[in-house]
Amino acid sequence: MQQARKFFAEKYGLSDADLDRYLSAALAHGGDYADLYFEYRSTSSISLDRSEEHTSELQSLRHLVCRLL
């Protein structure tokens, strides 16, 4: 569990207090259950061709969704 907390703190800048606040805010709107869904995806690519032209690309995608039931 400590590794997951460290990951979210580094990639999303979120603390345990932030997560508690998000869930509390969702439940305050009348739900009985709330959870948080995180997605983090990182991709990189390098293209080389015979004309000595090189391109590189780095993309990062982050999502946070709160589900309220």
PDB file of N, CA and C in Angstrom:
ATOM      1  N   MET A   1       0.816  -1.186   0.000  1.00  0.00           N
ATOM      2  CA  MET A   1       0.000   0.000   0.000  1.00  0.00           C
ATOM      3  C   MET A   1       0.867   1.261   0.000  1.00  0.00           C
ATOM      4  N   GLN A   2       1.988   1.225   0.671  1.00  0.00           N
ATOM      5  CA  GLN A   2       2.879   2.380   0.732  1.00  0.00           C
ATOM      6  C   GLN A   2       3.404   2.730  -0.656  1.00  0.00           C
ATOM      7  N   GLN A   3       3.677   1.729  -1.473  1.00  0.00           N
ATOM      8  CA  GLN A   3       4.166   1.967  -2.827  1.00  0.00           C
ATOM      9  C   GLN A   3       3.102   2.680  -3.668  1.00  0.00           C
ATOM     10  N   ALA A   4       1.845   2.282  -3.514  1.00  0.00           N
ATOM     11  CA  ALA A   4       0.759   2.944  -4.251  1.00  0.00           C
ATOM     12  C   ALA A   4       0.622   4.401  -3.822  1.00  0.00           C
ATOM     13  N   ARG A   5       0.704   4.662  -2.545  1.00  0.00           N
ATOM     14  CA  ARG A   5       0.620   6.046  -2.062  1.00  0.00           C
ATOM     15  C   ARG A   5       1.752   6.893  -2.632  1.00  0.00           C
ATOM     16  N   LYS A   6       2.940   6.331  -2.675  1.00  0.00           N
ATOM     17  CA  LYS A   6       4.097   7.058  -3.210  1.00  0.00           C
ATOM     18  C   LYS A   6       3.895   7.346  -4.699  1.00  0.00           C
ATOM     19  N   PHE A   7       3.383   6.359  -5.439  1.00  0.00           N
ATOM     20  CA  PHE A   7       3.136   6.529  -6.867  1.00  0.00           C
ATOM     21  C   PHE A   7       2.171   7.682  -7.117  1.00  0.00           C
ATOM     22  N   PHE A   8       1.028   7.703  -6.403  1.00  0.00           N
ATOM     23  CA  PHE A   8       0.036   8.752  -6.622  1.00  0.00           C
ATOM     24  C   PHE A   8       0.538  10.113  -6.157  1.00  0.00           C
ATOM     25  N   ALA A   9       1.336  10.128  -5.128  1.00  0.00           N
ATOM     26  CA  ALA A   9       1.911  11.391  -4.678  1.00  0.00           C
ATOM     27  C   ALA A   9       2.854  11.950  -5.733  1.00  0.00           C
ATOM     28  N   GLU A  10       3.636  11.097  -6.359  1.00  0.00           N
ATOM     29  CA  GLU A  10       4.595  11.539  -7.376  1.00  0.00           C
ATOM     30  C   GLU A  10       3.932  11.882  -8.710  1.00  0.00           C
ATOM     31  N   LYS A  11       3.040  11.027  -9.186  1.00  0.00           N
ATOM     32  CA  LYS A  11       2.464  11.201 -10.519  1.00  0.00           C
ATOM     33  C   LYS A  11       1.298  12.180 -10.547  1.00  0.00           C
ATOM     34  N   TYR A  12       0.521  12.244  -9.464  1.00  0.00           N
ATOM     35  CA  TYR A  12      -0.669  13.084  -9.431  1.00  0.00           C
ATOM     36  C   TYR A  12      -0.541  14.257  -8.462  1.00  0.00           C
ATOM     37  N   GLY A  13       0.440  14.227  -7.580  1.00  0.00           N
ATOM     38  CA  GLY A  13       0.571  15.282  -6.587  1.00  0.00           C
ATOM     39  C   GLY A  13      -0.523  15.236  -5.526  1.00  0.00           C
ATOM     40  N   LEU A  14      -1.022  14.028  -5.224  1.00  0.00           N
ATOM     41  CA  LEU A  14      -2.129  13.863  -4.279  1.00  0.00           C
ATOM     42  C   LEU A  14      -1.659  13.232  -2.975  1.00  0.00           C
ATOM     43  N   SER A  15      -2.202  13.728  -1.886  1.00  0.00           N
ATOM     44  CA  SER A  15      -1.917  13.151  -0.577  1.00  0.00           C
ATOM     45  C   SER A  15      -3.133  12.348  -0.111  1.00  0.00           C
ATOM     46  N   ASP A  16      -2.976  11.624   0.992  1.00  0.00           N
ATOM     47  CA  ASP A  16      -4.111  10.905   1.568  1.00  0.00           C
ATOM     48  C   ASP A  16      -5.229  11.869   1.933  1.00  0.00           C
ATOM     49  N   ALA A  17      -4.868  13.048   2.419  1.00  0.00           N
ATOM     50  CA  ALA A  17      -5.876  14.050   2.791  1.00  0.00           C
ATOM     51  C   ALA A  17      -6.667  14.508   1.560  1.00  0.00           C
ATOM     52  N   ASP A  18      -5.992  14.652   0.418  1.00  0.00           N
ATOM     53  CA  ASP A  18      -6.683  15.025  -0.818  1.00  0.00           C
ATOM     54  C   ASP A  18      -7.699  13.958  -1.206  1.00  0.00           C
ATOM     55  N   LEU A  19      -7.293  12.700  -1.152  1.00  0.00           N
ATOM     56  CA  LEU A  19      -8.184  11.605  -1.526  1.00  0.00           C
ATOM     57  C   LEU A  19      -9.394  11.547  -0.593  1.00  0.00           C
ATOM     58  N   ASP A  20      -9.156  11.700   0.698  1.00  0.00           N
ATOM     59  CA  ASP A  20     -10.262  11.727   1.667  1.00  0.00           C
ATOM     60  C   ASP A  20     -11.211  12.881   1.374  1.00  0.00           C
ATOM     61  N   ARG A  21     -10.666  14.033   1.038  1.00  0.00           N
ATOM     62  CA  ARG A  21     -11.501  15.205   0.749  1.00  0.00           C
ATOM     63  C   ARG A  21     -12.356  14.962  -0.497  1.00  0.00           C
ATOM     64  N   TYR A  22     -11.801  14.355  -1.539  1.00  0.00           N
ATOM     65  CA  TYR A  22     -12.565  14.073  -2.760  1.00  0.00           C
ATOM     66  C   TYR A  22     -13.703  13.101  -2.487  1.00  0.00           C
ATOM     67  N   LEU A  23     -13.400  12.038  -1.733  1.00  0.00           N
ATOM     68  CA  LEU A  23     -14.442  11.058  -1.425  1.00  0.00           C
ATOM     69  C   LEU A  23     -15.515  11.658  -0.532  1.00  0.00           C
ATOM     70  N   SER A  24     -15.137  12.447   0.441  1.00  0.00           N
ATOM     71  CA  SER A  24     -16.105  13.095   1.326  1.00  0.00           C
ATOM     72  C   SER A  24     -17.009  14.053   0.560  1.00  0.00           C
ATOM     73  N   ALA A  25     -16.426  14.811  -0.351  1.00  0.00           N
ATOM     74  CA  ALA A  25     -17.217  15.745  -1.158  1.00  0.00           C
ATOM     75  C   ALA A  25     -18.223  14.989  -2.023  1.00  0.00           C
ATOM     76  N   ALA A  26     -17.818  13.861  -2.593  1.00  0.00           N
ATOM     77  CA  ALA A  26     -18.732  13.068  -3.416  1.00  0.00           C
ATOM     78  C   ALA A  26     -19.871  12.513  -2.566  1.00  0.00           C
ATOM     79  N   LEU A  27     -19.550  11.955  -1.410  1.00  0.00           N
ATOM     80  CA  LEU A  27     -20.573  11.365  -0.540  1.00  0.00           C
ATOM     81  C   LEU A  27     -21.510  12.418   0.038  1.00  0.00           C
ATOM     82  N   ALA A  28     -21.063  13.647   0.150  1.00  0.00           N
ATOM     83  CA  ALA A  28     -21.912  14.725   0.660  1.00  0.00           C
ATOM     84  C   ALA A  28     -23.065  15.036  -0.292  1.00  0.00           C
ATOM     85  N   HIS A  29     -22.963  14.556  -1.533  1.00  0.00           N
ATOM     86  CA  HIS A  29     -24.023  14.786  -2.521  1.00  0.00           C
ATOM     87  C   HIS A  29     -25.051  13.661  -2.533  1.00  0.00           C
ATOM     88  N   GLY A  30     -25.054  12.813  -1.507  1.00  0.00           N
ATOM     89  CA  GLY A  30     -26.129  11.850  -1.336  1.00  0.00           C
ATOM     90  C   GLY A  30     -25.837  10.419  -1.702  1.00  0.00           C
ATOM     91  N   GLY A  31     -24.642  10.077  -2.083  1.00  0.00           N
ATOM     92  CA  GLY A  31     -24.348   8.692  -2.425  1.00  0.00           C
ATOM     93  C   GLY A  31     -24.084   7.842  -1.199  1.00  0.00           C
ATOM     94  N   ASP A  32     -24.159   6.542  -1.381  1.00  0.00           N
ATOM     95  CA  ASP A  32     -23.856   5.594  -0.301  1.00  0.00           C
ATOM     96  C   ASP A  32     -22.441   5.041  -0.418  1.00  0.00           C
ATOM     97  N   TYR A  33     -21.857   5.160  -1.590  1.00  0.00           N
ATOM     98  CA  TYR A  33     -20.539   4.585  -1.840  1.00  0.00           C
ATOM     99  C   TYR A  33     -19.821   5.450  -2.872  1.00  0.00           C
ATOM    100  N   ALA A  34     -18.547   5.646  -2.681  1.00  0.00           N
ATOM    101  CA  ALA A  34     -17.741   6.379  -3.665  1.00  0.00           C
ATOM    102  C   ALA A  34     -16.373   5.727  -3.766  1.00  0.00           C
ATOM    103  N   ASP A  35     -15.827   5.707  -4.962  1.00  0.00           N
ATOM    104  CA  ASP A  35     -14.455   5.250  -5.138  1.00  0.00           C
ATOM    105  C   ASP A  35     -13.775   6.116  -6.191  1.00  0.00           C
ATOM    106  N   LEU A  36     -12.469   6.006  -6.226  1.00  0.00           N
ATOM    107  CA  LEU A  36     -11.667   6.785  -7.151  1.00  0.00           C
ATOM    108  C   LEU A  36     -10.973   5.834  -8.119  1.00  0.00           C
ATOM    109  N   TYR A  37     -10.989   6.183  -9.387  1.00  0.00           N
ATOM    110  CA  TYR A  37     -10.335   5.396 -10.424  1.00  0.00           C
ATOM    111  C   TYR A  37      -9.221   6.251 -11.015  1.00  0.00           C
ATOM    112  N   PHE A  38      -8.028   5.706 -11.039  1.00  0.00           N
ATOM    113  CA  PHE A  38      -6.864   6.405 -11.571  1.00  0.00           C
ATOM    114  C   PHE A  38      -6.360   5.692 -12.814  1.00  0.00           C
ATOM    115  N   GLU A  39      -5.931   6.480 -13.788  1.00  0.00           N
ATOM    116  CA  GLU A  39      -5.262   5.920 -14.959  1.00  0.00           C
ATOM    117  C   GLU A  39      -4.011   6.753 -15.205  1.00  0.00           C
ATOM    118  N   TYR A  40      -2.897   6.082 -15.366  1.00  0.00           N
ATOM    119  CA  TYR A  40      -1.645   6.739 -15.719  1.00  0.00           C
ATOM    120  C   TYR A  40      -1.003   5.934 -16.830  1.00  0.00           C
ATOM    121  N   ARG A  41      -0.727   6.608 -17.938  1.00  0.00           N
ATOM    122  CA  ARG A  41      -0.106   5.925 -19.072  1.00  0.00           C
ATOM    123  C   ARG A  41       1.013   6.805 -19.601  1.00  0.00           C
ATOM    124  N   SER A  42       2.141   6.201 -19.841  1.00  0.00           N
ATOM    125  CA  SER A  42       3.289   6.924 -20.373  1.00  0.00           C
ATOM    126  C   SER A  42       3.819   6.160 -21.575  1.00  0.00           C
ATOM    127  N   THR A  43       4.020   6.881 -22.677  1.00  0.00           N
ATOM    128  CA  THR A  43       4.562   6.259 -23.882  1.00  0.00           C
ATOM    129  C   THR A  43       5.706   7.106 -24.426  1.00  0.00           C
ATOM    130  N   SER A  44       6.613   6.450 -25.087  1.00  0.00           N
ATOM    131  CA  SER A  44       7.699   7.172 -25.750  1.00  0.00           C
ATOM    132  C   SER A  44       8.019   6.469 -27.060  1.00  0.00           C
ATOM    133  N   SER A  45       8.517   7.258 -28.017  1.00  0.00           N
ATOM    134  CA  SER A  45       8.884   6.672 -29.301  1.00  0.00           C
ATOM    135  C   SER A  45      10.053   7.453 -29.892  1.00  0.00           C
ATOM    136  N   ILE A  46      10.811   6.752 -30.680  1.00  0.00           N
ATOM    137  CA  ILE A  46      11.932   7.348 -31.418  1.00  0.00           C
ATOM    138  C   ILE A  46      11.842   6.853 -32.854  1.00  0.00           C
ATOM    139  N   SER A  47      11.945   7.775 -33.803  1.00  0.00           N
ATOM    140  CA  SER A  47      11.910   7.414 -35.219  1.00  0.00           C
ATOM    141  C   SER A  47      13.246   7.759 -35.862  1.00  0.00           C
ATOM    142  N   LEU A  48      13.763   6.821 -36.595  1.00  0.00           N
ATOM    143  CA  LEU A  48      15.014   7.016 -37.318  1.00  0.00           C
ATOM    144  C   LEU A  48      14.782   6.671 -38.785  1.00  0.00           C
ATOM    145  N   ASP A  49      15.406   7.412 -39.662  1.00  0.00           N
ATOM    146  CA  ASP A  49      15.337   7.028 -41.068  1.00  0.00           C
ATOM    147  C   ASP A  49      16.705   7.219 -41.714  1.00  0.00           C
ATOM    148  N   ARG A  50      16.826   6.828 -42.940  1.00  0.00           N
ATOM    149  CA  ARG A  50      18.126   6.830 -43.619  1.00  0.00           C
ATOM    150  C   ARG A  50      18.646   8.229 -43.928  1.00  0.00           C
ATOM    151  N   SER A  51      17.798   9.213 -43.892  1.00  0.00           N
ATOM    152  CA  SER A  51      18.260  10.580 -44.182  1.00  0.00           C
ATOM    153  C   SER A  51      18.817  11.252 -42.931  1.00  0.00           C
ATOM    154  N   GLU A  52      19.025  10.479 -41.891  1.00  0.00           N
ATOM    155  CA  GLU A  52      19.600  10.959 -40.641  1.00  0.00           C
ATOM    156  C   GLU A  52      18.685  11.912 -39.879  1.00  0.00           C
ATOM    157  N   GLU A  53      17.405  11.908 -40.205  1.00  0.00           N
ATOM    158  CA  GLU A  53      16.455  12.702 -39.445  1.00  0.00           C
ATOM    159  C   GLU A  53      15.929  11.838 -38.300  1.00  0.00           C
ATOM    160  N   HIS A  54      15.906  12.421 -37.138  1.00  0.00           N
ATOM    161  CA  HIS A  54      15.464  11.701 -35.951  1.00  0.00           C
ATOM    162  C   HIS A  54      14.360  12.497 -35.266  1.00  0.00           C
ATOM    163  N   THR A  55      13.372  11.805 -34.808  1.00  0.00           N
ATOM    164  CA  THR A  55      12.321  12.451 -34.013  1.00  0.00           C
ATOM    165  C   THR A  55      12.068  11.602 -32.773  1.00  0.00           C
ATOM    166  N   SER A  56      11.697  12.253 -31.712  1.00  0.00           N
ATOM    167  CA  SER A  56      11.339  11.525 -30.496  1.00  0.00           C
ATOM    168  C   SER A  56      10.105  12.178 -29.893  1.00  0.00           C
ATOM    169  N   GLU A  57       9.363  11.394 -29.171  1.00  0.00           N
ATOM    170  CA  GLU A  57       8.121  11.882 -28.585  1.00  0.00           C
ATOM    171  C   GLU A  57       7.903  11.193 -27.245  1.00  0.00           C
ATOM    172  N   LEU A  58       7.430  11.946 -26.279  1.00  0.00           N
ATOM    173  CA  LEU A  58       7.103  11.428 -24.960  1.00  0.00           C
ATOM    174  C   LEU A  58       5.724  11.953 -24.585  1.00  0.00           C
ATOM    175  N   GLN A  59       4.825  11.058 -24.270  1.00  0.00           N
ATOM    176  CA  GLN A  59       3.473  11.452 -23.897  1.00  0.00           C
ATOM    177  C   GLN A  59       3.125  10.873 -22.534  1.00  0.00           C
ATOM    178  N   SER A  60       2.352  11.622 -21.791  1.00  0.00           N
ATOM    179  CA  SER A  60       1.890  11.180 -20.489  1.00  0.00           C
ATOM    180  C   SER A  60       0.402  11.497 -20.379  1.00  0.00           C
ATOM    181  N   LEU A  61      -0.377  10.531 -19.946  1.00  0.00           N
ATOM    182  CA  LEU A  61      -1.810  10.694 -19.802  1.00  0.00           C
ATOM    183  C   LEU A  61      -2.183  10.365 -18.367  1.00  0.00           C
ATOM    184  N   ARG A  62      -2.929  11.261 -17.732  1.00  0.00           N
ATOM    185  CA  ARG A  62      -3.379  11.032 -16.361  1.00  0.00           C
ATOM    186  C   ARG A  62      -4.864  11.344 -16.265  1.00  0.00           C
ATOM    187  N   HIS A  63      -5.604  10.436 -15.654  1.00  0.00           N
ATOM    188  CA  HIS A  63      -7.035  10.636 -15.413  1.00  0.00           C
ATOM    189  C   HIS A  63      -7.346  10.277 -13.972  1.00  0.00           C
ATOM    190  N   LEU A  64      -8.310  10.984 -13.423  1.00  0.00           N
ATOM    191  CA  LEU A  64      -8.864  10.649 -12.121  1.00  0.00           C
ATOM    192  C   LEU A  64     -10.370  10.765 -12.240  1.00  0.00           C
ATOM    193  N   VAL A  65     -11.084   9.692 -11.925  1.00  0.00           N
ATOM    194  CA  VAL A  65     -12.541   9.661 -12.004  1.00  0.00           C
ATOM    195  C   VAL A  65     -13.079   9.273 -10.633  1.00  0.00           C
ATOM    196  N   CYS A  66     -14.109   9.962 -10.208  1.00  0.00           N
ATOM    197  CA  CYS A  66     -14.788   9.611  -8.961  1.00  0.00           C
ATOM    198  C   CYS A  66     -16.146   9.014  -9.308  1.00  0.00           C
ATOM    199  N   ARG A  67     -16.409   7.814  -8.809  1.00  0.00           N
ATOM    200  CA  ARG A  67     -17.681   7.134  -9.049  1.00  0.00           C
ATOM    201  C   ARG A  67     -18.500   7.196  -7.776  1.00  0.00           C
ATOM    202  N   LEU A  68     -19.746   7.606  -7.902  1.00  0.00           N
ATOM    203  CA  LEU A  68     -20.643   7.749  -6.757  1.00  0.00           C
ATOM    204  C   LEU A  68     -21.859   6.876  -6.968  1.00  0.00           C
ATOM    205  N   LEU A  69     -22.147   6.022  -6.011  1.00  0.00           N
ATOM    206  CA  LEU A  69     -23.325   5.141  -6.110  1.00  0.00           C
ATOM    207  C   LEU A  69     -24.276   5.426  -4.962  1.00  0.00           C
TER     208      LEU A  69
END
